[in-house]
N, C-alpha and C. Protein backbone atom coordinates (compact mmCIF):
# COMPACT_ATOMS: atom_id res chain seq x y z
N MET A 1 101.27 64.22 17.36
CA MET A 1 100.63 63.10 18.05
C MET A 1 99.89 63.57 19.31
N GLY A 2 100.39 64.61 19.94
CA GLY A 2 99.74 65.09 21.15
C GLY A 2 100.17 64.32 22.38
N THR A 3 99.83 64.85 23.52
CA THR A 3 100.11 64.20 24.79
C THR A 3 98.81 64.06 25.55
N LEU A 4 98.89 63.38 26.70
CA LEU A 4 97.68 63.20 27.50
C LEU A 4 97.15 64.55 27.99
N LEU A 5 98.05 65.55 28.08
CA LEU A 5 97.60 66.87 28.48
C LEU A 5 96.65 67.49 27.46
N ASP A 6 96.72 66.99 26.20
CA ASP A 6 95.83 67.50 25.16
C ASP A 6 94.46 66.83 25.20
N PHE A 7 94.30 65.82 26.03
CA PHE A 7 93.06 65.07 26.14
C PHE A 7 92.58 65.08 27.59
N VAL A 8 91.26 64.99 27.77
CA VAL A 8 90.73 64.61 29.07
C VAL A 8 90.99 63.12 29.23
N ASP A 9 91.44 62.69 30.40
CA ASP A 9 91.69 61.26 30.62
C ASP A 9 90.34 60.56 30.79
N VAL A 10 89.75 60.18 29.68
CA VAL A 10 88.38 59.68 29.69
C VAL A 10 88.26 58.31 30.35
N ASP A 11 89.36 57.56 30.39
CA ASP A 11 89.28 56.20 30.92
C ASP A 11 88.95 56.17 32.41
N ILE A 12 89.31 57.23 33.14
CA ILE A 12 89.14 57.19 34.60
C ILE A 12 87.92 57.98 35.07
N GLN A 13 87.14 58.52 34.15
CA GLN A 13 85.99 59.33 34.55
C GLN A 13 84.69 58.65 34.13
N PRO A 14 83.62 58.81 34.93
CA PRO A 14 82.32 58.26 34.55
C PRO A 14 81.78 58.98 33.32
N LEU A 15 81.03 58.25 32.53
CA LEU A 15 80.54 58.78 31.26
C LEU A 15 79.72 60.05 31.45
N ASP A 16 78.85 60.07 32.46
CA ASP A 16 77.96 61.22 32.62
C ASP A 16 78.67 62.47 33.15
N ALA A 17 79.95 62.34 33.51
CA ALA A 17 80.71 63.50 33.98
C ALA A 17 81.43 64.21 32.84
N LEU A 18 81.36 63.63 31.65
CA LEU A 18 82.13 64.15 30.52
C LEU A 18 81.28 64.99 29.58
N ALA A 19 81.94 65.91 28.89
CA ALA A 19 81.29 66.68 27.83
C ALA A 19 81.01 65.75 26.65
N PRO A 20 80.11 66.14 25.73
CA PRO A 20 79.72 65.23 24.64
C PRO A 20 80.88 64.67 23.83
N ARG A 21 81.87 65.50 23.48
CA ARG A 21 82.99 65.00 22.67
C ARG A 21 83.74 63.90 23.42
N GLU A 22 83.98 64.13 24.71
CA GLU A 22 84.72 63.15 25.50
C GLU A 22 83.87 61.90 25.76
N ARG A 23 82.56 62.06 25.85
CA ARG A 23 81.68 60.89 26.01
C ARG A 23 81.77 60.00 24.78
N ILE A 24 81.79 60.63 23.63
CA ILE A 24 81.93 59.86 22.38
C ILE A 24 83.28 59.14 22.36
N LEU A 25 84.35 59.86 22.72
CA LEU A 25 85.68 59.27 22.69
C LEU A 25 85.81 58.14 23.70
N LYS A 26 85.28 58.33 24.90
CA LYS A 26 85.35 57.28 25.91
C LYS A 26 84.61 56.02 25.44
N THR A 27 83.42 56.22 24.89
CA THR A 27 82.63 55.07 24.42
C THR A 27 83.35 54.36 23.28
N ALA A 28 83.84 55.14 22.32
CA ALA A 28 84.54 54.55 21.19
C ALA A 28 85.82 53.84 21.64
N SER A 29 86.55 54.45 22.56
CA SER A 29 87.79 53.86 23.05
C SER A 29 87.53 52.49 23.68
N ASP A 30 86.49 52.41 24.48
CA ASP A 30 86.14 51.15 25.13
C ASP A 30 85.71 50.10 24.11
N LEU A 31 84.82 50.48 23.20
CA LEU A 31 84.29 49.52 22.24
C LEU A 31 85.34 49.09 21.22
N PHE A 32 86.10 50.05 20.69
CA PHE A 32 87.13 49.71 19.70
C PHE A 32 88.16 48.76 20.29
N TYR A 33 88.56 49.02 21.54
CA TYR A 33 89.61 48.22 22.15
C TYR A 33 89.09 46.84 22.57
N ARG A 34 87.87 46.78 23.08
CA ARG A 34 87.33 45.49 23.54
C ARG A 34 86.97 44.58 22.38
N PHE A 35 86.44 45.15 21.32
CA PHE A 35 85.99 44.34 20.19
C PHE A 35 86.97 44.54 19.03
N SER A 36 86.60 45.35 18.08
CA SER A 36 87.53 45.75 17.02
C SER A 36 86.96 47.01 16.40
N ILE A 37 87.82 47.76 15.74
CA ILE A 37 87.37 49.03 15.17
C ILE A 37 86.33 48.80 14.08
N ASN A 38 86.59 47.86 13.20
CA ASN A 38 85.68 47.66 12.07
C ASN A 38 84.35 47.04 12.47
N SER A 39 84.32 46.34 13.60
CA SER A 39 83.08 45.67 14.00
C SER A 39 82.12 46.59 14.77
N VAL A 40 82.60 47.76 15.17
CA VAL A 40 81.78 48.69 15.96
C VAL A 40 81.32 49.83 15.06
N GLY A 41 80.02 49.96 14.90
CA GLY A 41 79.47 50.99 14.03
C GLY A 41 79.19 52.29 14.76
N ILE A 42 79.02 53.34 13.98
CA ILE A 42 78.75 54.66 14.54
C ILE A 42 77.45 54.67 15.33
N ASP A 43 76.43 53.98 14.84
CA ASP A 43 75.14 53.99 15.54
C ASP A 43 75.27 53.42 16.95
N ARG A 44 76.08 52.41 17.12
CA ARG A 44 76.27 51.84 18.46
C ARG A 44 76.99 52.84 19.38
N ILE A 45 78.00 53.52 18.83
CA ILE A 45 78.73 54.51 19.62
C ILE A 45 77.81 55.65 20.03
N ILE A 46 76.97 56.10 19.12
CA ILE A 46 76.01 57.17 19.42
C ILE A 46 75.05 56.72 20.52
N ALA A 47 74.54 55.50 20.38
CA ALA A 47 73.56 55.00 21.36
C ALA A 47 74.18 54.85 22.74
N GLU A 48 75.39 54.29 22.82
CA GLU A 48 76.00 54.02 24.12
C GLU A 48 76.61 55.27 24.76
N SER A 49 76.95 56.25 23.94
CA SER A 49 77.49 57.49 24.50
C SER A 49 76.38 58.44 24.94
N GLY A 50 75.15 58.22 24.43
CA GLY A 50 74.02 59.04 24.82
C GLY A 50 74.00 60.41 24.19
N VAL A 51 74.64 60.57 23.03
CA VAL A 51 74.62 61.86 22.35
C VAL A 51 73.72 61.76 21.11
N ALA A 52 73.29 62.90 20.63
CA ALA A 52 72.48 62.93 19.40
C ALA A 52 73.38 62.72 18.19
N LYS A 53 72.81 62.22 17.12
CA LYS A 53 73.59 61.97 15.90
C LYS A 53 74.22 63.27 15.40
N MET A 54 73.47 64.37 15.46
CA MET A 54 73.99 65.65 15.01
C MET A 54 75.21 66.07 15.85
N THR A 55 75.14 65.79 17.14
CA THR A 55 76.26 66.12 18.03
C THR A 55 77.49 65.29 17.67
N PHE A 56 77.26 64.02 17.38
CA PHE A 56 78.38 63.16 16.98
C PHE A 56 79.09 63.74 15.78
N TYR A 57 78.34 64.05 14.72
CA TYR A 57 78.96 64.51 13.48
C TYR A 57 79.52 65.92 13.60
N LYS A 58 79.06 66.67 14.58
CA LYS A 58 79.65 67.99 14.84
C LYS A 58 81.10 67.83 15.31
N HIS A 59 81.34 66.83 16.14
CA HIS A 59 82.68 66.62 16.68
C HIS A 59 83.53 65.71 15.80
N PHE A 60 82.90 64.75 15.15
CA PHE A 60 83.62 63.78 14.32
C PHE A 60 82.89 63.63 12.99
N PRO A 61 83.33 64.36 11.97
CA PRO A 61 82.63 64.33 10.67
C PRO A 61 82.56 62.96 10.02
N SER A 62 83.46 62.05 10.41
CA SER A 62 83.45 60.70 9.85
C SER A 62 83.97 59.72 10.88
N LYS A 63 83.74 58.44 10.64
CA LYS A 63 84.28 57.42 11.53
C LYS A 63 85.80 57.43 11.50
N ALA A 64 86.38 57.73 10.32
CA ALA A 64 87.83 57.78 10.21
C ALA A 64 88.41 58.85 11.13
N ASP A 65 87.73 59.99 11.26
CA ASP A 65 88.18 61.04 12.18
C ASP A 65 88.17 60.53 13.62
N LEU A 66 87.11 59.82 13.97
CA LEU A 66 87.00 59.27 15.33
C LEU A 66 88.08 58.23 15.59
N ILE A 67 88.34 57.37 14.62
CA ILE A 67 89.36 56.33 14.78
C ILE A 67 90.73 56.96 15.00
N ALA A 68 91.06 57.98 14.19
CA ALA A 68 92.36 58.63 14.34
C ALA A 68 92.47 59.31 15.70
N THR A 69 91.39 59.92 16.17
CA THR A 69 91.41 60.55 17.48
C THR A 69 91.56 59.51 18.58
N TYR A 70 90.85 58.40 18.46
CA TYR A 70 90.99 57.30 19.42
C TYR A 70 92.43 56.81 19.50
N LEU A 71 93.07 56.63 18.35
CA LEU A 71 94.44 56.14 18.33
C LEU A 71 95.42 57.17 18.89
N ARG A 72 95.17 58.45 18.61
CA ARG A 72 96.03 59.49 19.20
C ARG A 72 95.86 59.52 20.72
N TYR A 73 94.64 59.31 21.17
CA TYR A 73 94.40 59.27 22.62
C TYR A 73 95.13 58.07 23.25
N LYS A 74 94.99 56.91 22.62
CA LYS A 74 95.68 55.73 23.14
C LYS A 74 97.20 55.93 23.15
N SER A 75 97.72 56.59 22.12
CA SER A 75 99.14 56.87 22.08
C SER A 75 99.55 57.75 23.26
N ALA A 76 98.77 58.78 23.53
CA ALA A 76 99.08 59.67 24.66
C ALA A 76 99.07 58.90 25.98
N VAL A 77 98.09 58.02 26.15
CA VAL A 77 97.99 57.22 27.38
C VAL A 77 99.20 56.30 27.51
N TRP A 78 99.56 55.62 26.43
CA TRP A 78 100.67 54.66 26.49
C TRP A 78 102.00 55.36 26.72
N PHE A 79 102.21 56.51 26.09
CA PHE A 79 103.49 57.19 26.30
C PHE A 79 103.57 57.82 27.67
N GLN A 80 102.45 58.21 28.23
CA GLN A 80 102.46 58.67 29.61
C GLN A 80 102.86 57.52 30.54
N MET A 81 102.34 56.35 30.27
CA MET A 81 102.67 55.15 31.04
C MET A 81 104.16 54.82 30.92
N LEU A 82 104.69 54.88 29.71
CA LEU A 82 106.10 54.58 29.48
C LEU A 82 107.00 55.62 30.15
N SER A 83 106.62 56.88 30.04
CA SER A 83 107.42 57.95 30.65
C SER A 83 107.46 57.80 32.17
N THR A 84 106.30 57.53 32.76
CA THR A 84 106.24 57.37 34.21
C THR A 84 107.15 56.24 34.68
N SER A 85 107.18 55.15 33.93
CA SER A 85 107.99 54.00 34.31
C SER A 85 109.48 54.25 34.13
N THR A 86 109.85 54.86 33.00
CA THR A 86 111.28 55.02 32.68
C THR A 86 111.92 56.22 33.36
N GLU A 87 111.12 57.14 33.89
CA GLU A 87 111.68 58.33 34.53
C GLU A 87 111.76 58.21 36.05
N ARG A 88 111.56 57.00 36.58
CA ARG A 88 111.69 56.82 38.02
C ARG A 88 113.11 57.12 38.48
N ALA A 89 113.21 57.70 39.65
CA ALA A 89 114.53 58.07 40.19
C ALA A 89 115.34 56.83 40.52
N GLY A 90 116.65 56.94 40.36
CA GLY A 90 117.56 55.89 40.81
C GLY A 90 117.81 54.77 39.82
N LEU A 91 117.27 54.84 38.61
CA LEU A 91 117.48 53.78 37.62
C LEU A 91 118.83 53.95 36.94
N THR A 92 119.52 52.84 36.71
CA THR A 92 120.72 52.88 35.90
C THR A 92 120.31 53.00 34.44
N PRO A 93 121.24 53.34 33.53
CA PRO A 93 120.87 53.43 32.11
C PRO A 93 120.26 52.14 31.56
N VAL A 94 120.79 50.99 31.97
CA VAL A 94 120.21 49.73 31.51
C VAL A 94 118.82 49.53 32.10
N GLU A 95 118.66 49.80 33.37
CA GLU A 95 117.35 49.65 34.02
C GLU A 95 116.32 50.59 33.40
N ARG A 96 116.77 51.74 32.93
CA ARG A 96 115.83 52.68 32.30
C ARG A 96 115.27 52.09 31.00
N VAL A 97 116.11 51.41 30.25
CA VAL A 97 115.62 50.74 29.04
C VAL A 97 114.65 49.62 29.41
N LEU A 98 115.05 48.82 30.39
CA LEU A 98 114.22 47.68 30.79
C LEU A 98 112.89 48.12 31.41
N ALA A 99 112.82 49.36 31.86
CA ALA A 99 111.60 49.86 32.49
C ALA A 99 110.43 49.95 31.51
N VAL A 100 110.70 49.88 30.20
CA VAL A 100 109.57 49.85 29.26
C VAL A 100 108.74 48.59 29.48
N PHE A 101 109.40 47.50 29.90
CA PHE A 101 108.66 46.27 30.20
C PHE A 101 107.91 46.38 31.52
N ASP A 102 108.50 47.09 32.48
CA ASP A 102 107.82 47.31 33.77
C ASP A 102 106.51 48.07 33.57
N ALA A 103 106.49 48.94 32.56
CA ALA A 103 105.30 49.74 32.29
C ALA A 103 104.10 48.89 31.89
N LEU A 104 104.36 47.67 31.44
CA LEU A 104 103.28 46.80 30.97
C LEU A 104 102.55 46.09 32.11
N GLU A 105 103.14 46.12 33.30
CA GLU A 105 102.59 45.33 34.40
C GLU A 105 101.14 45.70 34.72
N GLN A 106 100.86 46.99 34.87
CA GLN A 106 99.52 47.40 35.26
C GLN A 106 98.47 47.12 34.18
N PRO A 107 98.70 47.54 32.92
CA PRO A 107 97.68 47.25 31.90
C PRO A 107 97.47 45.77 31.65
N LEU A 108 98.55 44.97 31.74
CA LEU A 108 98.43 43.54 31.47
C LEU A 108 97.58 42.84 32.51
N LEU A 109 97.63 43.29 33.76
CA LEU A 109 96.85 42.65 34.82
C LEU A 109 95.41 43.13 34.86
N ALA A 110 95.11 44.18 34.13
CA ALA A 110 93.74 44.71 34.13
C ALA A 110 92.80 43.76 33.38
N PRO A 111 91.59 43.55 33.88
CA PRO A 111 90.63 42.68 33.17
C PRO A 111 90.32 43.16 31.76
N SER A 112 90.49 44.46 31.53
CA SER A 112 90.16 45.03 30.23
C SER A 112 91.29 44.88 29.21
N PHE A 113 92.42 44.29 29.59
CA PHE A 113 93.57 44.20 28.68
C PHE A 113 93.22 43.39 27.44
N ARG A 114 93.48 43.98 26.28
CA ARG A 114 93.22 43.30 25.00
C ARG A 114 94.42 43.41 24.05
N GLY A 115 95.61 43.62 24.59
CA GLY A 115 96.78 43.70 23.74
C GLY A 115 97.11 45.12 23.31
N CYS A 116 97.94 45.23 22.29
CA CYS A 116 98.40 46.52 21.78
C CYS A 116 97.36 47.10 20.83
N PRO A 117 96.79 48.25 21.14
CA PRO A 117 95.75 48.81 20.26
C PRO A 117 96.29 49.17 18.88
N PHE A 118 97.59 49.43 18.77
CA PHE A 118 98.16 49.83 17.49
C PHE A 118 98.45 48.63 16.60
N ALA A 119 98.89 47.53 17.20
CA ALA A 119 99.04 46.30 16.42
C ALA A 119 97.69 45.82 15.93
N LYS A 120 96.68 45.94 16.80
CA LYS A 120 95.32 45.56 16.40
C LYS A 120 94.82 46.47 15.29
N GLY A 121 95.10 47.77 15.42
CA GLY A 121 94.68 48.72 14.39
C GLY A 121 95.39 48.47 13.07
N MET A 122 96.67 48.12 13.13
CA MET A 122 97.43 47.85 11.92
C MET A 122 96.88 46.64 11.19
N ALA A 123 96.40 45.65 11.95
CA ALA A 123 95.81 44.46 11.34
C ALA A 123 94.52 44.80 10.59
N GLU A 124 93.82 45.81 11.09
CA GLU A 124 92.55 46.20 10.46
C GLU A 124 92.72 47.24 9.36
N PHE A 125 93.82 47.99 9.41
CA PHE A 125 93.98 49.11 8.48
C PHE A 125 95.33 49.06 7.79
N GLY A 126 95.50 48.04 6.96
CA GLY A 126 96.65 47.98 6.09
C GLY A 126 96.44 48.88 4.88
N PRO A 127 97.40 48.90 3.94
CA PRO A 127 97.29 49.77 2.76
C PRO A 127 96.01 49.55 1.96
N GLU A 128 95.50 48.32 1.96
CA GLU A 128 94.29 48.03 1.18
C GLU A 128 93.04 48.64 1.79
N ALA A 129 93.12 49.11 3.03
CA ALA A 129 91.95 49.70 3.69
C ALA A 129 91.63 51.09 3.18
N ASN A 130 92.59 51.73 2.49
CA ASN A 130 92.39 53.06 1.93
C ASN A 130 91.92 54.06 2.98
N SER A 131 92.60 54.05 4.12
CA SER A 131 92.33 55.01 5.20
C SER A 131 93.64 55.67 5.59
N PRO A 132 94.14 56.57 4.73
CA PRO A 132 95.48 57.13 4.94
C PRO A 132 95.64 57.86 6.27
N GLY A 133 94.58 58.51 6.75
CA GLY A 133 94.67 59.21 8.03
C GLY A 133 94.89 58.25 9.19
N VAL A 134 94.18 57.13 9.16
CA VAL A 134 94.33 56.13 10.21
C VAL A 134 95.69 55.45 10.10
N GLU A 135 96.09 55.09 8.89
CA GLU A 135 97.40 54.47 8.69
C GLU A 135 98.51 55.39 9.19
N ALA A 136 98.39 56.68 8.89
CA ALA A 136 99.43 57.63 9.29
C ALA A 136 99.50 57.74 10.81
N THR A 137 98.36 57.68 11.48
CA THR A 137 98.34 57.77 12.94
C THR A 137 99.02 56.55 13.57
N ILE A 138 98.74 55.37 13.02
CA ILE A 138 99.39 54.15 13.52
C ILE A 138 100.88 54.20 13.26
N ALA A 139 101.27 54.60 12.05
CA ALA A 139 102.69 54.69 11.70
C ALA A 139 103.41 55.69 12.61
N ALA A 140 102.74 56.79 12.93
CA ALA A 140 103.35 57.81 13.80
C ALA A 140 103.59 57.26 15.20
N TYR A 141 102.67 56.42 15.70
CA TYR A 141 102.88 55.81 17.01
C TYR A 141 104.13 54.94 17.01
N PHE A 142 104.26 54.06 16.03
CA PHE A 142 105.41 53.16 16.01
C PHE A 142 106.71 53.92 15.78
N ALA A 143 106.67 54.99 14.99
CA ALA A 143 107.87 55.82 14.80
C ALA A 143 108.25 56.50 16.12
N LYS A 144 107.26 56.99 16.84
CA LYS A 144 107.53 57.65 18.12
C LYS A 144 108.05 56.63 19.15
N LEU A 145 107.49 55.41 19.12
CA LEU A 145 107.97 54.37 20.04
C LEU A 145 109.43 54.03 19.73
N HIS A 146 109.75 53.94 18.45
CA HIS A 146 111.14 53.68 18.05
C HIS A 146 112.06 54.77 18.61
N ASP A 147 111.66 56.03 18.41
CA ASP A 147 112.49 57.14 18.86
C ASP A 147 112.60 57.17 20.39
N PHE A 148 111.53 56.79 21.06
CA PHE A 148 111.53 56.77 22.52
C PHE A 148 112.54 55.73 23.03
N VAL A 149 112.49 54.53 22.48
CA VAL A 149 113.43 53.48 22.89
C VAL A 149 114.85 53.86 22.49
N ALA A 150 115.01 54.46 21.32
CA ALA A 150 116.34 54.88 20.88
C ALA A 150 116.95 55.89 21.85
N SER A 151 116.12 56.77 22.39
CA SER A 151 116.63 57.77 23.35
C SER A 151 117.07 57.11 24.65
N LEU A 152 116.46 56.00 25.01
CA LEU A 152 116.86 55.26 26.20
C LEU A 152 118.13 54.46 25.97
N VAL A 153 118.29 53.95 24.75
CA VAL A 153 119.46 53.12 24.41
C VAL A 153 120.71 53.99 24.20
N GLU A 154 120.52 55.20 23.72
CA GLU A 154 121.67 56.05 23.35
C GLU A 154 122.73 56.19 24.44
N PRO A 155 122.37 56.42 25.72
CA PRO A 155 123.41 56.58 26.75
C PRO A 155 124.28 55.34 26.97
N LEU A 156 123.88 54.20 26.44
CA LEU A 156 124.66 52.97 26.63
C LEU A 156 125.88 52.91 25.72
N SER A 157 125.90 53.80 24.69
CA SER A 157 127.05 53.87 23.76
C SER A 157 127.38 52.52 23.14
N LEU A 158 126.36 51.84 22.66
CA LEU A 158 126.55 50.55 22.01
C LEU A 158 127.15 50.73 20.62
N SER A 159 127.87 49.73 20.14
CA SER A 159 128.45 49.82 18.80
C SER A 159 127.37 49.70 17.72
N LYS A 160 126.28 49.00 18.04
CA LYS A 160 125.16 48.84 17.10
C LYS A 160 123.86 49.23 17.80
N PRO A 161 123.66 50.51 18.09
CA PRO A 161 122.48 50.92 18.85
C PRO A 161 121.16 50.64 18.14
N GLU A 162 121.14 50.81 16.82
CA GLU A 162 119.88 50.60 16.10
C GLU A 162 119.45 49.13 16.18
N ARG A 163 120.41 48.24 16.13
CA ARG A 163 120.09 46.82 16.27
C ARG A 163 119.47 46.54 17.64
N ALA A 164 120.02 47.16 18.67
CA ALA A 164 119.47 46.99 20.02
C ALA A 164 118.06 47.55 20.12
N VAL A 165 117.83 48.69 19.48
CA VAL A 165 116.48 49.29 19.51
C VAL A 165 115.47 48.34 18.87
N ILE A 166 115.82 47.79 17.72
CA ILE A 166 114.91 46.86 17.03
C ILE A 166 114.65 45.62 17.90
N GLN A 167 115.68 45.14 18.56
CA GLN A 167 115.51 43.96 19.43
C GLN A 167 114.56 44.28 20.60
N ILE A 168 114.76 45.43 21.23
CA ILE A 168 113.90 45.82 22.35
C ILE A 168 112.46 45.99 21.89
N LEU A 169 112.27 46.64 20.75
CA LEU A 169 110.92 46.84 20.22
C LEU A 169 110.24 45.50 19.92
N SER A 170 111.00 44.56 19.36
CA SER A 170 110.44 43.25 19.03
C SER A 170 110.02 42.51 20.29
N LEU A 171 110.85 42.58 21.32
CA LEU A 171 110.52 41.92 22.59
C LEU A 171 109.34 42.61 23.27
N PHE A 172 109.28 43.92 23.17
CA PHE A 172 108.19 44.69 23.78
C PHE A 172 106.85 44.34 23.13
N GLU A 173 106.80 44.43 21.81
CA GLU A 173 105.55 44.13 21.10
C GLU A 173 105.20 42.65 21.21
N GLY A 174 106.22 41.80 21.19
CA GLY A 174 105.97 40.37 21.35
C GLY A 174 105.35 40.05 22.70
N SER A 175 105.77 40.77 23.73
CA SER A 175 105.18 40.59 25.06
C SER A 175 103.69 40.86 25.03
N LEU A 176 103.31 41.93 24.35
CA LEU A 176 101.90 42.32 24.29
C LEU A 176 101.07 41.30 23.53
N VAL A 177 101.60 40.82 22.43
CA VAL A 177 100.86 39.87 21.60
C VAL A 177 100.66 38.55 22.34
N ILE A 178 101.75 38.00 22.91
CA ILE A 178 101.64 36.71 23.58
C ILE A 178 100.83 36.82 24.87
N ALA A 179 101.03 37.92 25.61
CA ALA A 179 100.27 38.10 26.84
C ALA A 179 98.78 38.23 26.57
N GLN A 180 98.43 38.78 25.41
CA GLN A 180 97.01 38.88 25.06
C GLN A 180 96.38 37.50 24.91
N SER A 181 97.14 36.56 24.38
CA SER A 181 96.58 35.23 24.16
C SER A 181 96.67 34.33 25.38
N THR A 182 97.74 34.50 26.18
CA THR A 182 97.95 33.60 27.31
C THR A 182 97.49 34.17 28.64
N ARG A 183 97.39 35.52 28.71
CA ARG A 183 97.08 36.22 29.97
C ARG A 183 98.11 35.92 31.06
N ASP A 184 99.32 35.56 30.65
CA ASP A 184 100.37 35.19 31.59
C ASP A 184 101.40 36.30 31.67
N PRO A 185 101.49 37.02 32.79
CA PRO A 185 102.47 38.11 32.91
C PRO A 185 103.91 37.64 32.89
N ALA A 186 104.13 36.34 33.02
CA ALA A 186 105.50 35.82 33.01
C ALA A 186 106.19 36.09 31.68
N ILE A 187 105.43 36.23 30.60
CA ILE A 187 106.04 36.50 29.29
C ILE A 187 106.77 37.82 29.30
N VAL A 188 106.24 38.80 30.01
CA VAL A 188 106.89 40.11 30.07
C VAL A 188 108.21 40.01 30.83
N GLU A 189 108.21 39.29 31.93
CA GLU A 189 109.44 39.12 32.70
C GLU A 189 110.49 38.35 31.90
N ALA A 190 110.05 37.35 31.15
CA ALA A 190 110.97 36.58 30.32
C ALA A 190 111.61 37.45 29.24
N ASN A 191 110.80 38.29 28.60
CA ASN A 191 111.33 39.16 27.56
C ASN A 191 112.16 40.29 28.14
N ARG A 192 111.82 40.73 29.34
CA ARG A 192 112.65 41.74 30.02
C ARG A 192 114.05 41.16 30.29
N GLU A 193 114.09 39.91 30.73
CA GLU A 193 115.38 39.27 30.99
C GLU A 193 116.17 39.09 29.70
N ALA A 194 115.48 38.73 28.62
CA ALA A 194 116.15 38.59 27.33
C ALA A 194 116.73 39.93 26.89
N ALA A 195 115.99 41.01 27.11
CA ALA A 195 116.47 42.34 26.76
C ALA A 195 117.70 42.71 27.59
N ARG A 196 117.68 42.37 28.86
CA ARG A 196 118.82 42.66 29.73
C ARG A 196 120.08 41.95 29.24
N VAL A 197 119.94 40.68 28.87
CA VAL A 197 121.09 39.90 28.38
C VAL A 197 121.63 40.53 27.09
N LEU A 198 120.74 40.92 26.19
CA LEU A 198 121.17 41.53 24.94
C LEU A 198 121.92 42.84 25.18
N LEU A 199 121.38 43.66 26.08
CA LEU A 199 122.01 44.95 26.36
C LEU A 199 123.37 44.77 27.02
N GLU A 200 123.45 43.88 27.99
CA GLU A 200 124.71 43.67 28.69
C GLU A 200 125.77 43.06 27.75
N LYS A 201 125.35 42.20 26.84
CA LYS A 201 126.26 41.65 25.86
C LYS A 201 126.74 42.76 24.91
N GLY A 202 125.81 43.65 24.53
CA GLY A 202 126.18 44.75 23.65
C GLY A 202 127.15 45.71 24.31
N ILE A 203 126.93 45.97 25.60
CA ILE A 203 127.84 46.85 26.34
C ILE A 203 129.23 46.23 26.44
N ALA A 204 129.26 44.93 26.73
CA ALA A 204 130.55 44.23 26.87
C ALA A 204 131.33 44.25 25.55
N SER A 205 130.65 44.08 24.43
CA SER A 205 131.33 44.03 23.14
C SER A 205 131.75 45.42 22.66
N SER A 206 131.15 46.45 23.24
CA SER A 206 131.49 47.82 22.84
C SER A 206 132.64 48.40 23.64
N SER A 207 132.98 47.74 24.75
CA SER A 207 134.01 48.30 25.64
C SER A 207 135.41 47.79 25.28
């Protein structure tokens, strides 16, 4: 899947400061996330990134290659965000799990927030889309997210840790979906509180 260290952080740099490959990725990342992957064509990405068509295909032989790279980049950005939030000093084991919700505060308040890029991608690239590379990239993100939350839940020594992981993931993704439609950050706090109650109940029943 890669990490943010494997990518230039294109979101924070001006387009003209980037090399051609990163200019393409920055443009595609913005357009795919703001609109939708299927609605944005290669010609528009080429025009807005300011690269020649030959240069585009040198770096990305197909749109599917670009989509998979975009999703890997988004994955690196999101996991960097999650790691920064959950690795803060002084957190208790329960607070470390709940910190996945804290990580949503900054992106949710941004004017550019459009929800979870992977849920959006999954809606566009189901099995009928016949894009195995893109499907695999989306599946890898959700598998990595599961493992990430599971690693946070493990120190709690719950009797049913996998059930808790699924509950946290459902609340996390639900926050993103509802916040996208309502633009209300209160949904994240509400789901964070629900996660806290579930975890504390699980700890109590395991002791």
